[in-house]
């Protein structure tokens, strides 16, 4: 079933929308949640929460890309879950990713920085738009979808060390770009 039809099911408040969403995007959402949380049960709960959140948000929203919409919900729910669980025990999934990016993306801490966060997101989007398609895809797969370096290296038939160095260069490029745009790190 195409995305438009699934969105229409949500707007008509038909429970079939959740079944179709799970059929089409369940694997993607589970993958995102599992990579961030590392615990299958927690990932499954986040995916179930994704369907609930989509049900509640769909009217009035009409996402252009249902997969991106559901993936974003799953990612945000997983990060929230990770933060809750992190107070009790350590998870490696997201911790490694956040530590890799901490040198080039400032962490907002005050209410005033919410506006700056939006500006930062736009600046990062501008930087991503300027990358070669392969570098952009690699960066997004690593830092948005949380794909492991090993998986990405196997897909590209390259060594993990070489790919790690490429990701390091991309992070340095991002940092340089952000500094040139006046973003304080």
C-alpha atoms as a PDB file:
ATOM      1  CA  UNK A   1       0.000   0.000   0.000  1.00  0.00           C
ATOM      2  CA  UNK A   2       1.387   3.450  -0.857  1.00  0.00           C
ATOM      3  CA  UNK A   3       2.043   6.138   1.755  1.00  0.00           C
ATOM      4  CA  UNK A   4      -0.852   8.344   0.668  1.00  0.00           C
ATOM      5  CA  UNK A   5      -3.319   5.513   1.184  1.00  0.00           C
ATOM      6  CA  UNK A   6      -1.917   4.752   4.628  1.00  0.00           C
ATOM      7  CA  UNK A   7      -2.113   8.421   5.639  1.00  0.00           C
ATOM      8  CA  UNK A   8      -5.691   8.475   4.394  1.00  0.00           C
ATOM      9  CA  UNK A   9      -6.474   5.495   6.635  1.00  0.00           C
ATOM     10  CA  UNK A  10      -5.112   7.459   9.584  1.00  0.00           C
ATOM     11  CA  UNK A  11      -7.272  10.430   8.667  1.00  0.00           C
ATOM     12  CA  UNK A  12     -10.346   8.200   8.453  1.00  0.00           C
ATOM     13  CA  UNK A  13      -9.335   6.780  11.881  1.00  0.00           C
ATOM     14  CA  UNK A  14      -9.197   3.211  10.582  1.00  0.00           C
ATOM     15  CA  UNK A  15      -7.077   0.834  12.649  1.00  0.00           C
ATOM     16  CA  UNK A  16      -5.868  -0.752   9.417  1.00  0.00           C
ATOM     17  CA  UNK A  17      -3.513   2.256   9.198  1.00  0.00           C
ATOM     18  CA  UNK A  18      -1.432   0.874  12.049  1.00  0.00           C
ATOM     19  CA  UNK A  19      -1.302  -2.592  10.493  1.00  0.00           C
ATOM     20  CA  UNK A  20      -0.234  -1.166   7.127  1.00  0.00           C
ATOM     21  CA  UNK A  21       2.345   1.116   8.785  1.00  0.00           C
ATOM     22  CA  UNK A  22       3.808  -1.842  10.629  1.00  0.00           C
ATOM     23  CA  UNK A  23       3.862  -3.945   7.456  1.00  0.00           C
ATOM     24  CA  UNK A  24       5.628  -1.265   5.450  1.00  0.00           C
ATOM     25  CA  UNK A  25       7.806   0.522   8.027  1.00  0.00           C
ATOM     26  CA  UNK A  26       7.966  -1.797  11.034  1.00  0.00           C
ATOM     27  CA  UNK A  27      11.368  -3.183  10.101  1.00  0.00           C
ATOM     28  CA  UNK A  28      12.835   0.316   9.631  1.00  0.00           C
ATOM     29  CA  UNK A  29      11.415   1.558  12.936  1.00  0.00           C
ATOM     30  CA  UNK A  30      12.577  -1.542  14.829  1.00  0.00           C
ATOM     31  CA  UNK A  31      16.041  -1.125  13.349  1.00  0.00           C
ATOM     32  CA  UNK A  32      16.264   2.515  14.456  1.00  0.00           C
ATOM     33  CA  UNK A  33      15.025   1.752  17.960  1.00  0.00           C
ATOM     34  CA  UNK A  34      17.231  -1.305  18.399  1.00  0.00           C
ATOM     35  CA  UNK A  35      20.355   0.533  17.257  1.00  0.00           C
ATOM     36  CA  UNK A  36      19.723   3.295  19.759  1.00  0.00           C
ATOM     37  CA  UNK A  37      18.581   1.199  22.701  1.00  0.00           C
ATOM     38  CA  UNK A  38      20.359  -2.113  22.196  1.00  0.00           C
ATOM     39  CA  UNK A  39      17.587  -4.021  23.988  1.00  0.00           C
ATOM     40  CA  UNK A  40      14.978  -5.731  21.816  1.00  0.00           C
ATOM     41  CA  UNK A  41      12.134  -5.413  24.328  1.00  0.00           C
ATOM     42  CA  UNK A  42      12.678  -1.674  24.758  1.00  0.00           C
ATOM     43  CA  UNK A  43      12.939  -1.225  21.001  1.00  0.00           C
ATOM     44  CA  UNK A  44       9.655  -3.068  20.483  1.00  0.00           C
ATOM     45  CA  UNK A  45       7.938  -0.845  23.046  1.00  0.00           C
ATOM     46  CA  UNK A  46       9.211   2.261  21.246  1.00  0.00           C
ATOM     47  CA  UNK A  47       7.889   0.953  17.929  1.00  0.00           C
ATOM     48  CA  UNK A  48       4.488   0.300  19.496  1.00  0.00           C
ATOM     49  CA  UNK A  49       4.588   3.815  20.925  1.00  0.00           C
ATOM     50  CA  UNK A  50       5.400   5.058  17.417  1.00  0.00           C
ATOM     51  CA  UNK A  51       2.121   3.684  16.056  1.00  0.00           C
ATOM     52  CA  UNK A  52       0.257   5.302  18.952  1.00  0.00           C
ATOM     53  CA  UNK A  53       1.994   8.652  18.377  1.00  0.00           C
ATOM     54  CA  UNK A  54       1.300   8.488  14.629  1.00  0.00           C
ATOM     55  CA  UNK A  55      -2.359   7.775  15.361  1.00  0.00           C
ATOM     56  CA  UNK A  56      -2.562  10.827  17.619  1.00  0.00           C
ATOM     57  CA  UNK A  57      -0.572  13.167  15.356  1.00  0.00           C
ATOM     58  CA  UNK A  58      -1.881  12.262  11.933  1.00  0.00           C
ATOM     59  CA  UNK A  59      -4.810  14.597  11.855  1.00  0.00           C
ATOM     60  CA  UNK A  60      -3.911  17.378  11.109  1.00  0.00           C
ATOM     61  CA  UNK A  61      -0.465  16.330   9.842  1.00  0.00           C
ATOM     62  CA  UNK A  62      -0.077  14.945   6.323  1.00  0.00           C
ATOM     63  CA  UNK A  63       3.580  13.927   6.065  1.00  0.00           C
ATOM     64  CA  UNK A  64       5.196  14.015   2.641  1.00  0.00           C
ATOM     65  CA  UNK A  65       7.266  10.971   3.538  1.00  0.00           C
ATOM     66  CA  UNK A  66       5.523   8.558   5.878  1.00  0.00           C
ATOM     67  CA  UNK A  67       8.737   6.572   6.371  1.00  0.00           C
ATOM     68  CA  UNK A  68      10.666   9.667   7.474  1.00  0.00           C
ATOM     69  CA  UNK A  69       7.751  10.768   9.680  1.00  0.00           C
ATOM     70  CA  UNK A  70       7.529   7.390  11.443  1.00  0.00           C
ATOM     71  CA  UNK A  71      11.327   7.065  11.612  1.00  0.00           C
ATOM     72  CA  UNK A  72      11.602  10.471  13.277  1.00  0.00           C
ATOM     73  CA  UNK A  73       8.949   9.553  15.841  1.00  0.00           C
ATOM     74  CA  UNK A  74      10.714   6.256  16.582  1.00  0.00           C
ATOM     75  CA  UNK A  75      14.082   7.955  16.874  1.00  0.00           C
ATOM     76  CA  UNK A  76      12.780  10.626  19.245  1.00  0.00           C
ATOM     77  CA  UNK A  77      10.937   8.078  21.395  1.00  0.00           C
ATOM     78  CA  UNK A  78      14.044   5.884  21.504  1.00  0.00           C
ATOM     79  CA  UNK A  79      16.261   8.763  22.555  1.00  0.00           C
ATOM     80  CA  UNK A  80      13.777   9.674  25.291  1.00  0.00           C
ATOM     81  CA  UNK A  81      13.677   6.051  26.427  1.00  0.00           C
ATOM     82  CA  UNK A  82      17.473   5.894  26.363  1.00  0.00           C
ATOM     83  CA  UNK A  83      17.689   8.976  28.576  1.00  0.00           C
ATOM     84  CA  UNK A  84      15.262   7.410  31.063  1.00  0.00           C
ATOM     85  CA  UNK A  85      17.135   4.117  31.111  1.00  0.00           C
ATOM     86  CA  UNK A  86      20.546   5.761  31.092  1.00  0.00           C
ATOM     87  CA  UNK A  87      19.937   7.022  34.598  1.00  0.00           C
ATOM     88  CA  UNK A  88      19.813   3.369  35.708  1.00  0.00           C
ATOM     89  CA  UNK A  89      22.330   1.639  33.431  1.00  0.00           C
ATOM     90  CA  UNK A  90      24.567   2.287  30.458  1.00  0.00           C
ATOM     91  CA  UNK A  91      23.630   1.635  26.827  1.00  0.00           C
ATOM     92  CA  UNK A  92      26.347   1.783  24.171  1.00  0.00           C
ATOM     93  CA  UNK A  93      24.198   2.398  21.076  1.00  0.00           C
ATOM     94  CA  UNK A  94      23.464   6.079  21.319  1.00  0.00           C
ATOM     95  CA  UNK A  95      26.275   6.880  23.748  1.00  0.00           C
ATOM     96  CA  UNK A  96      28.913   6.132  21.113  1.00  0.00           C
ATOM     97  CA  UNK A  97      27.112   8.203  18.469  1.00  0.00           C
ATOM     98  CA  UNK A  98      26.638  11.173  20.764  1.00  0.00           C
ATOM     99  CA  UNK A  99      30.257  11.076  21.881  1.00  0.00           C
ATOM    100  CA  UNK A 100      31.407  11.129  18.244  1.00  0.00           C
ATOM    101  CA  UNK A 101      29.355  14.257  17.543  1.00  0.00           C
ATOM    102  CA  UNK A 102      29.915  16.119  20.815  1.00  0.00           C
ATOM    103  CA  UNK A 103      32.988  17.957  19.485  1.00  0.00           C
ATOM    104  CA  UNK A 104      31.165  19.447  16.534  1.00  0.00           C
ATOM    105  CA  UNK A 105      27.572  20.010  17.687  1.00  0.00           C
ATOM    106  CA  UNK A 106      26.862  22.096  20.773  1.00  0.00           C
ATOM    107  CA  UNK A 107      24.418  20.731  23.333  1.00  0.00           C
ATOM    108  CA  UNK A 108      21.588  23.154  24.122  1.00  0.00           C
ATOM    109  CA  UNK A 109      21.108  23.797  27.802  1.00  0.00           C
ATOM    110  CA  UNK A 110      18.832  26.817  28.215  1.00  0.00           C
ATOM    111  CA  UNK A 111      15.443  27.876  26.936  1.00  0.00           C
ATOM    112  CA  UNK A 112      17.019  30.647  24.852  1.00  0.00           C
ATOM    113  CA  UNK A 113      18.968  28.050  22.941  1.00  0.00           C
ATOM    114  CA  UNK A 114      15.800  26.477  21.509  1.00  0.00           C
ATOM    115  CA  UNK A 115      15.784  29.117  18.782  1.00  0.00           C
ATOM    116  CA  UNK A 116      19.477  28.532  18.217  1.00  0.00           C
ATOM    117  CA  UNK A 117      18.727  24.807  17.894  1.00  0.00           C
ATOM    118  CA  UNK A 118      16.462  25.507  14.924  1.00  0.00           C
ATOM    119  CA  UNK A 119      19.107  27.707  13.347  1.00  0.00           C
ATOM    120  CA  UNK A 120      21.673  24.981  13.962  1.00  0.00           C
ATOM    121  CA  UNK A 121      19.432  22.423  12.256  1.00  0.00           C
ATOM    122  CA  UNK A 122      19.122  24.704   9.214  1.00  0.00           C
ATOM    123  CA  UNK A 123      22.878  25.264   9.129  1.00  0.00           C
ATOM    124  CA  UNK A 124      23.534  21.504   9.297  1.00  0.00           C
ATOM    125  CA  UNK A 125      20.999  20.969   6.490  1.00  0.00           C
ATOM    126  CA  UNK A 126      22.856  23.539   4.390  1.00  0.00           C
ATOM    127  CA  UNK A 127      26.128  21.711   5.074  1.00  0.00           C
ATOM    128  CA  UNK A 128      24.556  18.363   4.174  1.00  0.00           C
ATOM    129  CA  UNK A 129      23.187  19.822   0.928  1.00  0.00           C
ATOM    130  CA  UNK A 130      26.727  20.806  -0.031  1.00  0.00           C
ATOM    131  CA  UNK A 131      28.115  17.291   0.392  1.00  0.00           C
ATOM    132  CA  UNK A 132      28.508  14.735  -2.349  1.00  0.00           C
ATOM    133  CA  UNK A 133      25.519  12.388  -2.385  1.00  0.00           C
ATOM    134  CA  UNK A 134      27.579   9.446  -1.095  1.00  0.00           C
ATOM    135  CA  UNK A 135      29.018  11.437   1.832  1.00  0.00           C
ATOM    136  CA  UNK A 136      25.575  12.827   2.706  1.00  0.00           C
ATOM    137  CA  UNK A 137      24.066   9.332   2.661  1.00  0.00           C
ATOM    138  CA  UNK A 138      26.923   7.974   4.796  1.00  0.00           C
ATOM    139  CA  UNK A 139      26.608  10.765   7.372  1.00  0.00           C
ATOM    140  CA  UNK A 140      22.831  10.412   7.643  1.00  0.00           C
ATOM    141  CA  UNK A 141      22.962   6.636   7.843  1.00  0.00           C
ATOM    142  CA  UNK A 142      25.548   6.802  10.630  1.00  0.00           C
ATOM    143  CA  UNK A 143      24.228   9.681  12.697  1.00  0.00           C
ATOM    144  CA  UNK A 144      20.491   9.672  12.011  1.00  0.00           C
ATOM    145  CA  UNK A 145      19.675   6.010  11.401  1.00  0.00           C
ATOM    146  CA  UNK A 146      22.500   4.860  13.713  1.00  0.00           C
ATOM    147  CA  UNK A 147      23.950   2.294  11.329  1.00  0.00           C
ATOM    148  CA  UNK A 148      27.181   0.811  12.638  1.00  0.00           C
ATOM    149  CA  UNK A 149      30.503   1.556  10.950  1.00  0.00           C
ATOM    150  CA  UNK A 150      30.944  -2.183  10.386  1.00  0.00           C
ATOM    151  CA  UNK A 151      27.617  -2.474   8.532  1.00  0.00           C
ATOM    152  CA  UNK A 152      28.321   0.589   6.412  1.00  0.00           C
ATOM    153  CA  UNK A 153      31.825  -0.662   5.585  1.00  0.00           C
ATOM    154  CA  UNK A 154      30.483  -4.057   4.521  1.00  0.00           C
ATOM    155  CA  UNK A 155      27.862  -2.439   2.283  1.00  0.00           C
ATOM    156  CA  UNK A 156      30.473  -0.238   0.625  1.00  0.00           C
ATOM    157  CA  UNK A 157      33.044  -3.040   0.522  1.00  0.00           C
ATOM    158  CA  UNK A 158      35.564  -0.882   2.370  1.00  0.00           C
ATOM    159  CA  UNK A 159      37.481  -1.350   5.570  1.00  0.00           C
ATOM    160  CA  UNK A 160      35.936  -0.148   8.812  1.00  0.00           C
ATOM    161  CA  UNK A 161      39.071   1.898   9.591  1.00  0.00           C
ATOM    162  CA  UNK A 162      38.911   3.681   6.251  1.00  0.00           C
ATOM    163  CA  UNK A 163      35.239   4.433   6.784  1.00  0.00           C
ATOM    164  CA  UNK A 164      35.914   5.674  10.311  1.00  0.00           C
ATOM    165  CA  UNK A 165      38.519   8.059   8.914  1.00  0.00           C
ATOM    166  CA  UNK A 166      36.032   9.281   6.312  1.00  0.00           C
ATOM    167  CA  UNK A 167      33.449   9.896   9.034  1.00  0.00           C
ATOM    168  CA  UNK A 168      36.092  11.750  11.057  1.00  0.00           C
ATOM    169  CA  UNK A 169      36.819  13.998   8.063  1.00  0.00           C
ATOM    170  CA  UNK A 170      33.091  14.627   7.644  1.00  0.00           C
ATOM    171  CA  UNK A 171      32.738  15.580  11.324  1.00  0.00           C
ATOM    172  CA  UNK A 172      35.744  17.905  11.036  1.00  0.00           C
ATOM    173  CA  UNK A 173      34.188  19.429   7.926  1.00  0.00           C
ATOM    174  CA  UNK A 174      30.931  19.946   9.808  1.00  0.00           C
ATOM    175  CA  UNK A 175      32.759  21.561  12.699  1.00  0.00           C
ATOM    176  CA  UNK A 176      34.651  23.901  10.355  1.00  0.00           C
ATOM    177  CA  UNK A 177      31.429  24.808   8.541  1.00  0.00           C
ATOM    178  CA  UNK A 178      29.576  25.490  11.789  1.00  0.00           C
ATOM    179  CA  UNK A 179      32.415  27.675  13.060  1.00  0.00           C
ATOM    180  CA  UNK A 180      32.458  29.604   9.759  1.00  0.00           C
ATOM    181  CA  UNK A 181      28.710  30.198  10.178  1.00  0.00           C
ATOM    182  CA  UNK A 182      29.258  31.651  13.647  1.00  0.00           C
ATOM    183  CA  UNK A 183      27.985  28.685  15.644  1.00  0.00           C
ATOM    184  CA  UNK A 184      29.700  28.542  19.022  1.00  0.00           C
ATOM    185  CA  UNK A 185      30.891  25.060  19.883  1.00  0.00           C
END
